Amino acid sequence: MLNARAVDLAVTAALVLGCRVQRESVFARKHYFYPDLPKGYQITQYDRPIALDGRLQWAGDDGLPRQVRIVRAHIEEDAGKSLHEGFADSDRSARIDFNRSGIALIEIVTAPDLRSAGDAAECFRRLRALLVTAGVSDGNMERGNLRCDANVSVRPRGDETLGARTEIKNLNSFRFLEQALAYEIDRQIAVRSGGAQVETETRLWDERAGETASMRSKEDAHDYRYFPEPDLRPLVVDDAAVAALQASLPELPAARRERLSTCYGLTGDDLDLFAGAPEWAAFLDETVGHGADPAAAAMWIRGELTRRLRERGAAIEAMTITPEALARLIAMVASQAVSHSAAKQVLARMVATGETADQAAAAGGHAQESDVDAIQPLVDEVLRRFPDQVAQFQAGRHAVAGFLIGHVMKASRGRANPRLVDQLVRQSLAGTGSS
């Protein structure tokens, strides 16, 4: 039976990719023999897919525009998963995991518009960002929830005809995609330069060896013996359903990037992170909504907060710190209630315990002392302990003030406001000289 939610997700994917959603699409049986397909055919869409003619556009690092045409997007069922390693007899046997067999997926097919391994990886990054933002996929490539089959062919410069095509199956990271394509491009050039022909085949990426390896010969469309799926009627998606899904689309990465750049002034790595991660962009928006400076909020989220989460192996959905709590911590740093270095420890405690910034600062003894009446006695004591350094300062060696300031900070156990300590030490030294 057809899964209605899968249809909604496929239409949503088509819309964010700028595709034309077909009012009527048809399912077919694709016949081939492989161990992970025990019934000998796969339910898919062939000549009448659910969506056609989209595009993905961005500006490359060189400032030039990139455009990749989306030929089609179609719904099909997933196959099993072949396991070729991890078992005692993996040198002579394979295992098949059938847990995902029959689960609905969408396959998105691009035109041969990419000209480098780097551009292909960037295209895949942007495709993932779109699908995650739209809620079509969680984008988890390690679990196989998003996979890439990369097709490669080469041609002599100036030649319009593409050479024989190989397909690299099931690449599950941007890094592996770029590495596999770079290797395969070089391999095919070497084959053709040596006077041989590139075989049309399916290959696998061996990450340990850093090379692609032949998996099986590549079938042509007629080899699959497509015919209409007899158990599924044509799929009809009416205009009202498409319009409703269009209206429910969230802010997409390109629009988010423009907003974050214009409204928050984000650039570089900050802009890349928040434009491509809707959950982090939402966290940033809420933090700013509670009064935090956008640049400071972006710095704390991208830096210390994500580092602490990685250390704990926690995802953003599972963390205990709230945007309001982070905004309060940023405000405490700005008002010098805690030092920047102490705030890192406060944040670590907040992530671990779920305490507010004030609770974590108090419990850890990190609240910064900015009371002149509390700090001045420490300054006086340090100046009494180091008369030689005081004399050196009076003789014009003003750099020695740093030594005295450091001892005041040590006496306060790091809790004194450094700027206030600097001010009080210099004022006291000046007063000592005048007396």
Protein backbone atom coordinates (compact mmCIF):
# COMPACT_ATOMS: atom_id res chain seq x y z
CA MET A 1 0.00 0.00 0.00
CA LEU A 2 1.10 3.56 -0.63
CA ASN A 3 2.11 5.59 2.42
CA ALA A 4 0.26 8.94 2.35
CA ARG A 5 2.83 10.67 4.55
CA ALA A 6 5.58 9.60 2.15
CA VAL A 7 3.67 11.28 -0.68
CA ASP A 8 3.44 14.54 1.31
CA LEU A 9 7.17 14.44 2.01
CA ALA A 10 7.98 13.73 -1.64
CA VAL A 11 5.85 16.69 -2.76
CA THR A 12 7.52 18.89 -0.12
CA ALA A 13 10.95 17.88 -1.41
CA ALA A 14 9.86 18.65 -4.96
CA LEU A 15 8.66 22.11 -3.93
CA VAL A 16 11.85 23.14 -2.13
CA LEU A 17 13.85 21.97 -5.15
CA GLY A 18 11.72 24.06 -7.50
CA CYS A 19 10.32 21.01 -9.30
CA ARG A 20 7.05 20.74 -11.18
CA VAL A 21 4.78 18.37 -9.25
CA GLN A 22 2.96 16.03 -11.63
CA ARG A 23 -0.76 15.75 -11.03
CA GLU A 24 -0.62 12.06 -11.89
CA SER A 25 2.31 9.69 -11.47
CA VAL A 26 2.57 5.93 -11.91
CA PHE A 27 4.41 3.16 -10.06
CA ALA A 28 6.37 0.44 -11.81
CA ARG A 29 8.25 -2.75 -11.03
CA LYS A 30 11.99 -2.61 -11.63
CA HIS A 31 13.37 -6.14 -11.99
CA TYR A 32 16.90 -7.09 -11.02
CA PHE A 33 18.61 -9.77 -9.01
CA TYR A 34 20.71 -8.81 -6.04
CA PRO A 35 20.79 -10.43 -2.59
CA ASP A 36 19.32 -7.38 -0.82
CA LEU A 37 16.18 -7.56 -3.03
CA PRO A 38 14.76 -11.01 -2.28
CA LYS A 39 11.49 -10.66 -4.22
CA GLY A 40 13.42 -9.89 -7.40
CA TYR A 41 11.86 -6.50 -8.14
CA GLN A 42 11.64 -3.03 -6.62
CA ILE A 43 8.53 -0.84 -6.58
CA THR A 44 9.53 2.53 -8.03
CA GLN A 45 8.45 5.20 -10.51
CA TYR A 46 9.89 5.13 -14.01
CA ASP A 47 8.46 7.05 -16.96
CA ARG A 48 5.92 9.07 -14.93
CA PRO A 49 7.57 10.24 -11.67
CA ILE A 50 5.98 12.52 -9.12
CA ALA A 51 8.19 15.54 -9.90
CA LEU A 52 10.25 16.95 -12.79
CA ASP A 53 12.46 19.90 -13.77
CA GLY A 54 13.87 21.53 -10.65
CA ARG A 55 17.16 23.28 -9.94
CA LEU A 56 19.66 23.99 -7.21
CA GLN A 57 21.61 27.26 -7.37
CA TRP A 58 24.40 28.84 -5.32
CA ALA A 59 27.52 30.98 -5.66
CA GLY A 60 30.84 29.11 -5.68
CA ASP A 61 33.94 30.06 -3.69
CA ASP A 62 35.18 31.82 -6.81
CA GLY A 63 32.07 34.02 -6.83
CA LEU A 64 30.71 32.44 -10.00
CA PRO A 65 27.16 31.06 -10.05
CA ARG A 66 26.53 27.32 -9.92
CA GLN A 67 23.34 25.69 -11.17
CA VAL A 68 22.47 22.00 -11.07
CA ARG A 69 19.31 20.88 -12.83
CA ILE A 70 17.08 18.43 -10.99
CA VAL A 71 15.89 16.03 -13.68
CA ARG A 72 13.32 14.24 -11.53
CA ALA A 73 12.32 13.08 -8.08
CA HIS A 74 10.49 9.80 -7.68
CA ILE A 75 9.13 7.61 -4.90
CA GLU A 76 10.36 4.06 -4.48
CA GLU A 77 10.87 1.39 -1.83
CA ASP A 78 14.20 0.84 -0.13
CA ALA A 79 16.11 -2.41 -0.48
CA GLY A 80 18.03 -4.28 2.20
CA LYS A 81 21.54 -3.45 3.29
CA SER A 82 24.52 -5.63 2.38
CA LEU A 83 27.10 -6.00 5.15
CA HIS A 84 30.53 -6.90 3.84
CA GLU A 85 32.62 -6.49 7.00
CA GLY A 86 32.45 -6.77 10.77
CA PHE A 87 31.97 -10.54 11.03
CA ALA A 88 34.41 -13.39 11.59
CA ASP A 89 33.77 -14.78 8.11
CA SER A 90 33.53 -11.47 6.25
CA ASP A 91 36.46 -12.51 4.07
CA ARG A 92 34.24 -15.11 2.40
CA SER A 93 30.62 -14.24 3.29
CA ALA A 94 28.25 -11.30 3.41
CA ARG A 95 25.24 -10.58 5.61
CA ILE A 96 21.98 -8.92 4.56
CA ASP A 97 20.03 -6.61 6.88
CA PHE A 98 16.40 -6.45 5.72
CA ASN A 99 15.13 -3.99 8.35
CA ARG A 100 14.73 -1.11 5.90
CA SER A 101 13.29 -3.19 3.05
CA GLY A 102 10.07 -1.74 1.70
CA ILE A 103 10.40 1.60 3.49
CA ALA A 104 9.45 4.54 1.26
CA LEU A 105 12.19 6.83 0.01
CA ILE A 106 12.63 9.48 -2.65
CA GLU A 107 15.37 9.41 -5.22
CA ILE A 108 16.49 12.77 -6.58
CA VAL A 109 18.26 12.67 -9.94
CA THR A 110 20.49 15.54 -11.10
CA ALA A 111 21.67 16.40 -14.60
CA PRO A 112 25.42 16.11 -15.43
CA ASP A 113 26.04 19.77 -14.56
CA LEU A 114 28.81 19.37 -11.97
CA ARG A 115 32.42 19.77 -13.06
CA SER A 116 34.46 19.07 -9.92
CA ALA A 117 34.46 16.86 -6.85
CA GLY A 118 34.32 19.96 -4.64
CA ASP A 119 31.23 21.31 -6.38
CA ALA A 120 29.55 17.91 -6.08
CA ALA A 121 30.15 17.84 -2.33
CA GLU A 122 28.84 21.40 -1.98
CA CYS A 123 25.76 20.51 -4.03
CA PHE A 124 25.08 17.58 -1.71
CA ARG A 125 25.55 19.80 1.38
CA ARG A 126 23.02 22.29 0.07
CA LEU A 127 20.61 19.54 -0.94
CA ARG A 128 20.82 18.07 2.57
CA ALA A 129 20.24 21.50 4.14
CA LEU A 130 17.09 21.96 2.07
CA LEU A 131 15.68 18.53 2.93
CA VAL A 132 16.46 18.88 6.65
CA THR A 133 14.97 22.37 6.80
CA ALA A 134 11.80 21.20 5.08
CA GLY A 135 11.50 18.22 7.45
CA VAL A 136 11.76 15.73 4.60
CA SER A 137 14.77 13.95 6.13
CA ASP A 138 16.75 14.10 9.35
CA GLY A 139 19.84 14.09 7.13
CA ASN A 140 21.63 11.43 9.19
CA MET A 141 24.09 9.98 6.71
CA GLU A 142 25.80 7.63 9.17
CA ARG A 143 22.51 5.77 9.63
CA GLY A 144 21.84 5.73 5.91
CA ASN A 145 18.84 8.09 6.13
CA LEU A 146 20.45 10.18 3.42
CA ARG A 147 22.67 8.51 0.84
CA CYS A 148 24.36 9.57 -2.36
CA ASP A 149 25.05 7.58 -5.51
CA ALA A 150 27.61 9.56 -7.51
CA ASN A 151 27.88 9.11 -11.29
CA VAL A 152 31.18 9.97 -12.95
CA SER A 153 32.31 10.29 -16.55
CA VAL A 154 35.16 12.20 -18.18
CA ARG A 155 35.76 13.67 -21.62
CA PRO A 156 38.69 15.33 -23.36
CA ARG A 157 38.70 19.11 -23.05
CA GLY A 158 36.65 20.59 -25.88
CA ASP A 159 34.82 17.33 -26.56
CA GLU A 160 31.03 17.55 -26.13
CA THR A 161 30.43 13.81 -25.69
CA LEU A 162 30.63 12.38 -22.19
CA GLY A 163 32.51 9.12 -21.78
CA ALA A 164 31.30 5.87 -20.22
CA ARG A 165 29.71 6.40 -16.81
CA THR A 166 30.47 4.67 -13.55
CA GLU A 167 28.31 4.88 -10.44
CA ILE A 168 29.74 4.99 -6.91
CA LYS A 169 27.10 3.63 -4.54
CA ASN A 170 25.98 4.67 -1.07
CA LEU A 171 28.40 7.43 -0.14
CA ASN A 172 27.46 8.55 3.36
CA SER A 173 29.53 11.67 4.02
CA PHE A 174 30.51 14.84 2.20
CA ARG A 175 34.18 14.01 2.71
CA PHE A 176 33.86 10.51 1.25
CA LEU A 177 31.86 11.89 -1.67
CA GLU A 178 34.57 14.39 -2.55
CA GLN A 179 37.39 11.87 -2.06
CA ALA A 180 35.64 9.15 -4.07
CA LEU A 181 34.88 11.48 -6.97
CA ALA A 182 38.41 12.89 -7.05
CA TYR A 183 39.86 9.38 -7.13
CA GLU A 184 37.42 8.13 -9.77
CA ILE A 185 38.01 11.13 -12.02
CA ASP A 186 41.77 10.51 -11.89
CA ARG A 187 41.26 6.77 -12.44
CA GLN A 188 39.11 7.27 -15.53
CA ILE A 189 41.54 9.82 -16.99
CA ALA A 190 44.38 7.35 -16.46
CA VAL A 191 42.40 4.54 -18.13
CA ARG A 192 41.56 6.64 -21.17
CA SER A 193 45.05 8.15 -21.40
CA GLY A 194 46.40 4.61 -21.51
CA GLY A 195 44.28 3.83 -24.57
CA ALA A 196 41.73 1.61 -22.74
CA GLN A 197 38.00 2.06 -22.34
CA VAL A 198 36.22 2.87 -19.09
CA GLU A 199 33.78 0.11 -18.16
CA THR A 200 30.21 1.11 -17.40
CA GLU A 201 29.80 -0.34 -13.92
CA THR A 202 28.79 0.20 -10.32
CA ARG A 203 31.67 0.76 -7.89
CA LEU A 204 32.10 1.08 -4.12
CA TRP A 205 34.31 3.49 -2.18
CA ASP A 206 36.89 1.79 0.03
CA GLU A 207 37.67 4.46 2.61
CA ARG A 208 40.57 2.53 4.10
CA ALA A 209 42.32 2.02 0.79
CA GLY A 210 41.28 5.45 -0.48
CA GLU A 211 40.06 4.05 -3.80
CA THR A 212 36.97 2.84 -5.63
CA ALA A 213 36.51 -0.87 -6.36
CA SER A 214 34.33 -2.65 -8.91
CA MET A 215 31.06 -3.98 -7.47
CA ARG A 216 28.99 -5.16 -10.44
CA SER A 217 28.23 -4.32 -14.06
CA LYS A 218 25.79 -1.46 -14.63
CA GLU A 219 22.47 -2.35 -16.22
CA ASP A 220 20.70 -0.24 -18.84
CA ALA A 221 17.04 0.71 -18.42
CA HIS A 222 15.81 -2.08 -20.71
CA ASP A 223 17.63 -4.65 -18.56
CA TYR A 224 15.30 -3.85 -15.67
CA ARG A 225 12.18 -4.87 -17.63
CA TYR A 226 10.01 -2.11 -16.17
CA PHE A 227 6.25 -2.58 -16.28
CA PRO A 228 3.38 -0.89 -14.39
CA GLU A 229 2.96 -2.02 -10.79
CA PRO A 230 -0.30 -4.02 -10.85
CA ASP A 231 -1.09 -3.59 -7.14
CA LEU A 232 -0.90 0.22 -7.03
CA ARG A 233 -3.21 2.56 -8.88
CA PRO A 234 -1.89 5.81 -10.41
CA LEU A 235 -1.08 8.44 -7.78
CA VAL A 236 -3.10 11.65 -8.15
CA VAL A 237 -2.00 14.77 -6.23
CA ASP A 238 -4.53 17.58 -6.50
CA ASP A 239 -3.68 21.28 -6.70
CA ALA A 240 -5.17 22.03 -3.28
CA ALA A 241 -2.85 19.52 -1.58
CA VAL A 242 0.19 20.99 -3.33
CA ALA A 243 -0.88 24.53 -2.38
CA ALA A 244 -1.33 23.54 1.26
CA LEU A 245 2.13 21.99 1.41
CA GLN A 246 3.62 25.04 -0.32
CA ALA A 247 2.02 27.32 2.27
CA SER A 248 3.45 25.25 5.14
CA LEU A 249 7.07 25.40 3.98
CA PRO A 250 9.51 26.81 6.56
CA GLU A 251 12.17 29.43 5.91
CA LEU A 252 14.60 27.87 3.44
CA PRO A 253 18.41 28.10 3.72
CA ALA A 254 18.90 30.78 1.05
CA ALA A 255 16.30 33.05 2.66
CA ARG A 256 17.68 32.30 6.12
CA ARG A 257 21.21 33.13 4.99
CA GLU A 258 20.05 36.48 3.64
CA ARG A 259 18.13 37.29 6.85
CA LEU A 260 20.97 36.32 9.18
CA SER A 261 23.43 38.34 7.14
CA THR A 262 21.19 41.41 6.94
CA CYS A 263 19.60 41.38 10.41
CA TYR A 264 22.41 39.94 12.54
CA GLY A 265 25.46 40.84 10.47
CA LEU A 266 26.73 37.24 10.45
CA THR A 267 29.52 36.31 8.07
CA GLY A 268 31.93 33.44 7.36
CA ASP A 269 31.69 30.28 9.46
CA ASP A 270 28.92 31.71 11.65
CA LEU A 271 26.75 32.36 8.62
CA ASP A 272 27.50 28.92 7.13
CA LEU A 273 26.53 27.12 10.35
CA PHE A 274 23.28 28.91 11.09
CA ALA A 275 22.11 29.15 7.48
CA GLY A 276 22.51 25.39 7.04
CA ALA A 277 21.16 24.22 10.40
CA PRO A 278 17.56 25.24 11.11
CA GLU A 279 17.65 23.96 14.69
CA TRP A 280 20.67 26.11 15.53
CA ALA A 281 19.21 29.10 13.68
CA ALA A 282 16.04 28.78 15.79
CA PHE A 283 18.15 28.59 18.97
CA LEU A 284 20.06 31.71 17.88
CA ASP A 285 16.83 33.58 17.11
CA GLU A 286 15.41 32.76 20.54
CA THR A 287 18.64 33.75 22.29
CA VAL A 288 18.65 37.10 20.49
CA GLY A 289 14.94 37.43 21.28
CA HIS A 290 15.86 37.33 24.98
CA GLY A 291 18.13 40.34 24.53
CA ALA A 292 21.50 38.82 23.61
CA ASP A 293 23.78 40.58 21.14
CA PRO A 294 23.58 38.57 17.86
CA ALA A 295 27.35 38.41 17.32
CA ALA A 296 27.99 37.34 20.91
CA ALA A 297 25.19 34.76 20.78
CA ALA A 298 26.54 33.30 17.52
CA MET A 299 30.06 33.13 18.98
CA TRP A 300 28.93 31.30 22.15
CA ILE A 301 26.66 28.88 20.28
CA ARG A 302 29.11 28.00 17.50
CA GLY A 303 32.07 27.82 19.84
CA GLU A 304 31.71 26.85 23.48
CA LEU A 305 28.16 25.46 23.43
CA THR A 306 28.65 23.09 20.49
CA ARG A 307 32.01 22.00 21.94
CA ARG A 308 30.43 21.13 25.28
CA LEU A 309 27.64 19.23 23.57
CA ARG A 310 30.13 17.23 21.49
CA GLU A 311 32.04 16.32 24.65
CA ARG A 312 28.83 14.93 26.17
CA GLY A 313 27.71 13.28 22.95
CA ALA A 314 24.45 15.25 23.14
CA ALA A 315 22.33 16.60 20.31
CA ILE A 316 20.73 20.02 20.38
CA GLU A 317 17.32 18.40 20.96
CA ALA A 318 18.55 16.75 24.16
CA MET A 319 20.44 19.61 25.78
CA THR A 320 19.15 21.17 28.98
CA ILE A 321 20.33 24.75 28.46
CA THR A 322 17.69 27.11 27.09
CA PRO A 323 18.12 30.17 24.84
CA GLU A 324 16.93 32.34 27.75
CA ALA A 325 19.63 30.88 30.01
CA LEU A 326 22.35 31.47 27.42
CA ALA A 327 21.15 35.06 26.88
CA ARG A 328 21.43 35.64 30.64
CA LEU A 329 25.01 34.30 30.67
CA ILE A 330 25.95 36.59 27.77
CA ALA A 331 24.45 39.52 29.69
CA MET A 332 26.47 38.60 32.78
CA VAL A 333 29.67 38.65 30.73
CA ALA A 334 28.74 42.00 29.17
CA SER A 335 28.06 43.52 32.63
CA GLN A 336 31.26 41.93 33.99
CA ALA A 337 29.30 39.93 36.55
CA VAL A 338 31.46 37.00 35.39
CA SER A 339 34.66 37.05 33.39
CA HIS A 340 34.77 35.58 29.91
CA SER A 341 37.01 32.73 31.01
CA ALA A 342 34.84 31.96 34.04
CA ALA A 343 31.74 32.06 31.84
CA LYS A 344 33.06 29.03 29.94
CA GLN A 345 33.03 27.04 33.17
CA VAL A 346 29.60 28.39 34.02
CA LEU A 347 28.32 27.26 30.63
CA ALA A 348 29.80 23.79 31.13
CA ARG A 349 27.89 23.50 34.42
CA MET A 350 24.68 24.78 32.79
CA VAL A 351 24.95 22.13 30.05
CA ALA A 352 25.61 19.40 32.61
CA THR A 353 22.96 20.34 35.19
CA GLY A 354 20.33 22.48 33.51
CA GLU A 355 20.94 25.26 36.06
CA THR A 356 20.39 28.90 35.15
CA ALA A 357 23.40 31.12 34.57
CA ASP A 358 23.03 32.74 38.01
CA GLN A 359 22.70 29.37 39.76
CA ALA A 360 25.68 27.87 37.94
CA ALA A 361 27.87 30.94 38.59
CA ALA A 362 27.03 30.97 42.28
CA ALA A 363 27.43 27.20 42.73
CA GLY A 364 30.80 27.18 41.00
CA GLY A 365 32.06 30.30 42.74
CA HIS A 366 32.46 32.10 39.42
CA ALA A 367 30.53 35.29 40.15
CA GLN A 368 32.88 38.18 39.36
CA GLU A 369 33.63 40.65 42.13
CA SER A 370 33.18 44.27 41.04
CA ASP A 371 32.88 45.92 44.46
CA VAL A 372 35.66 48.48 44.97
CA ASP A 373 35.44 48.13 48.75
CA ALA A 374 36.10 44.37 48.41
CA ILE A 375 38.97 44.65 45.92
CA GLN A 376 40.89 47.68 47.27
CA PRO A 377 42.15 45.83 50.39
CA LEU A 378 43.60 43.13 48.15
CA VAL A 379 45.38 45.78 46.08
CA ASP A 380 46.79 47.45 49.19
CA GLU A 381 48.04 44.12 50.53
CA VAL A 382 49.80 43.22 47.26
CA LEU A 383 51.52 46.63 47.08
CA ARG A 384 52.78 46.16 50.65
CA ARG A 385 54.11 42.68 49.81
CA PHE A 386 56.07 43.82 46.75
CA PRO A 387 57.78 47.15 47.53
CA ASP A 388 60.57 46.49 45.01
CA GLN A 389 58.07 46.23 42.16
CA VAL A 390 56.30 49.37 43.38
CA ALA A 391 59.63 51.20 43.29
CA GLN A 392 60.34 49.92 39.79
CA PHE A 393 56.98 51.30 38.62
CA GLN A 394 57.75 54.67 40.18
CA ALA A 395 61.10 54.61 38.34
CA GLY A 396 59.29 54.37 35.03
CA ARG A 397 59.10 50.60 34.46
CA HIS A 398 55.34 50.63 34.07
CA ALA A 399 55.21 47.11 32.62
CA VAL A 400 55.68 45.79 36.16
CA ALA A 401 52.07 46.76 36.85
CA GLY A 402 51.06 43.54 35.11
CA PHE A 403 52.95 41.55 37.77
CA LEU A 404 51.08 43.31 40.57
CA ILE A 405 47.72 42.98 38.81
CA GLY A 406 48.31 39.25 38.42
CA HIS A 407 48.92 38.84 42.16
CA VAL A 408 45.72 40.74 42.97
CA MET A 409 43.78 38.42 40.65
CA LYS A 410 45.42 35.43 42.34
CA ALA A 411 44.51 36.77 45.77
CA SER A 412 40.87 37.09 44.63
CA ARG A 413 40.98 33.52 43.26
CA GLY A 414 40.21 34.92 39.82
CA ARG A 415 36.89 36.40 40.88
CA ALA A 416 37.88 40.07 40.81
CA ASN A 417 36.89 42.15 37.79
CA PRO A 418 40.17 42.37 35.80
CA ARG A 419 39.44 45.84 34.45
CA LEU A 420 38.63 47.16 37.89
CA VAL A 421 41.77 45.55 39.32
CA ASP A 422 43.88 47.20 36.62
CA GLN A 423 42.29 50.56 37.37
CA LEU A 424 42.70 50.29 41.15
CA VAL A 425 46.32 49.07 40.96
CA ARG A 426 47.35 51.95 38.70
CA GLN A 427 45.47 54.50 40.79
CA SER A 428 47.10 53.17 43.96
CA LEU A 429 50.56 53.22 42.36
CA ALA A 430 50.02 56.78 41.24
CA GLY A 431 48.90 57.72 44.75
CA THR A 432 51.95 56.03 46.23
CA GLY A 433 54.20 58.07 43.99
CA SER A 434 52.56 61.41 44.88
CA SER A 435 52.83 60.76 48.57
